[in-house]
Protein backbone atom coordinates (compact mmCIF):
# COMPACT_ATOMS: atom_id res chain seq x y z
CA VAL A 1 -5.27 -8.48 1.11
CA CYS A 2 -5.09 -8.90 4.89
CA LYS A 3 -6.22 -12.53 4.64
CA LYS A 4 -3.74 -13.23 1.83
CA LEU A 5 -0.91 -11.68 3.85
CA ASP A 6 -1.92 -13.71 6.89
CA GLU A 7 -1.62 -16.91 4.83
CA LEU A 8 1.94 -16.22 3.67
CA ASP A 9 4.50 -18.34 5.52
CA SER A 10 7.25 -15.73 5.28
CA TYR A 11 5.74 -13.47 7.96
CA GLU A 12 5.39 -14.28 11.65
CA GLU A 13 4.25 -10.85 12.78
CA ILE A 14 2.44 -8.09 10.93
CA TRP A 15 3.01 -4.48 11.95
CA ILE A 16 0.23 -1.97 11.31
CA PHE A 17 1.03 1.72 10.84
CA THR A 18 -2.17 3.76 10.86
CA ASP A 19 -3.58 7.04 12.03
CA ASP A 20 -7.03 5.42 12.27
CA GLN A 21 -6.73 2.98 15.17
CA THR A 22 -10.51 2.60 15.41
CA LEU A 23 -10.72 1.28 11.85
CA TYR A 24 -7.76 -1.04 12.49
CA ARG A 25 -9.42 -2.53 15.56
CA ARG A 26 -12.71 -2.99 13.70
CA ILE A 27 -10.99 -4.85 10.84
CA TYR A 28 -8.66 -6.90 13.01
CA GLU A 29 -11.24 -7.90 15.59
CA SER A 30 -13.75 -8.95 12.92
CA LYS A 31 -11.40 -11.55 11.39
CA ASP A 32 -9.64 -14.68 12.55
CA TYR A 33 -5.96 -14.26 11.73
CA SER A 34 -3.23 -16.78 12.49
CA LYS A 35 -0.42 -14.23 12.66
CA GLU A 36 0.19 -11.72 15.41
CA TRP A 37 -0.78 -8.21 14.33
CA LYS A 38 1.00 -5.39 16.13
CA LEU A 39 -0.35 -1.85 16.05
CA ILE A 40 2.53 0.63 15.93
CA ASP A 41 1.90 3.90 17.75
CA THR A 42 3.03 6.51 15.25
CA THR A 43 2.19 9.49 17.48
CA PRO A 44 5.68 10.05 18.94
CA LEU A 45 7.45 9.45 15.60
CA LYS A 46 8.68 12.14 13.27
CA ASP A 47 7.86 11.58 9.59
CA PHE A 48 11.43 10.56 8.71
CA GLU A 49 11.46 8.02 11.57
CA LEU A 50 8.19 6.51 10.38
CA LEU A 51 9.47 6.38 6.80
CA GLU A 52 12.63 4.61 7.95
CA LEU A 53 10.68 2.04 9.97
CA MET A 54 8.35 1.34 7.08
CA ARG A 55 11.03 1.06 4.41
CA ASN A 56 12.87 -1.53 6.49
CA ALA A 57 9.83 -3.82 6.53
CA SER A 58 10.01 -7.28 5.04
CA GLY A 59 6.76 -6.59 3.16
CA LEU A 60 4.31 -3.72 2.79
CA VAL A 61 0.59 -3.29 2.31
CA ILE A 62 0.32 0.40 1.63
CA ALA A 63 -2.47 2.92 1.71
CA ASN A 64 -2.96 5.63 -0.87
CA SER A 65 -0.58 8.01 0.88
CA SER A 66 2.62 9.58 -0.34
CA LEU A 67 4.50 8.44 2.78
CA SER A 68 3.62 4.78 2.29
CA TRP A 69 4.26 5.02 -1.49
CA TRP A 70 7.77 6.35 -0.85
CA ALA A 71 8.44 3.78 1.87
CA ALA A 72 7.56 1.01 -0.58
CA LYS A 73 9.47 2.60 -3.45
CA MET A 74 12.61 3.06 -1.29
CA ARG A 75 12.35 -0.24 0.61
CA ARG A 76 15.72 -1.68 1.58
CA ASN A 77 14.76 -5.27 0.81
CA ARG A 78 14.04 -5.17 -2.92
CA SER A 79 12.44 -8.64 -2.76
CA ALA A 80 9.94 -7.53 -0.08
CA LEU A 81 6.36 -7.89 -1.31
CA VAL A 82 4.41 -4.68 -1.83
CA PHE A 83 0.61 -4.59 -2.04
CA ALA A 84 -0.90 -1.31 -3.24
CA PRO A 85 -4.47 -0.14 -3.84
CA LYS A 86 -5.79 0.41 -7.35
CA PRO A 87 -7.23 2.81 -8.12
CA TRP A 88 -5.02 5.09 -6.06
CA PHE A 89 -7.80 7.68 -6.09
CA PHE A 90 -11.42 7.07 -7.02
CA LYS A 91 -11.95 10.41 -8.75
CA ILE A 92 -8.50 11.02 -10.28
CA GLN A 93 -6.82 8.72 -12.78
CA VAL A 94 -3.13 7.92 -12.40
CA ASN A 95 -0.93 6.52 -15.13
CA ASP A 96 0.01 2.82 -14.81
CA GLU A 97 3.66 3.92 -14.61
CA PHE A 98 2.76 5.25 -11.17
CA TYR A 99 2.97 1.64 -9.94
CA PRO A 100 6.34 -0.12 -10.15
CA ASP A 101 6.17 -3.43 -12.03
CA ASP A 102 7.04 -5.52 -8.99
CA TRP A 103 4.10 -4.28 -6.88
CA ASN A 104 0.99 -6.37 -6.34
CA LEU A 105 -2.16 -4.35 -6.91
CA PHE A 106 -5.49 -4.93 -5.22
CA GLU A 107 -8.91 -3.43 -5.77
CA ARG A 108 -9.92 -0.86 -3.19
CA ASP A 109 -13.06 -1.37 -1.18
CA ASN A 110 -15.96 0.68 -2.53
CA SER A 111 -16.78 1.87 1.00
CA CYS A 112 -13.85 4.28 0.68
CA GLN A 113 -15.15 6.10 -2.40
CA ASN A 114 -15.37 9.44 -0.64
CA LEU A 115 -11.55 9.59 -0.42
């Protein structure tokens, strides 16, 4: 997904919201991306501030978290691309109606199966 997003012409800069900065650095530094990736420090932000920042994005690649799901669902720009992991959980099934029709789904990496 990261490579596909990097290849889209509609984005000049990609903002990363994560609570796992070590994982972000490992992924980012192991690839050759043409776009600038900016790590957003979420530490000083309240949840509603983070939600507002995320829902104003011009596109979203979301994790399996309720905050990112709601940010994508309530995004201001209805034409903004949304990429979401499927399955949402490895051990719990969710109904396909869980994913809005206009979201792009991607297969989760098997290295995350303990989540």
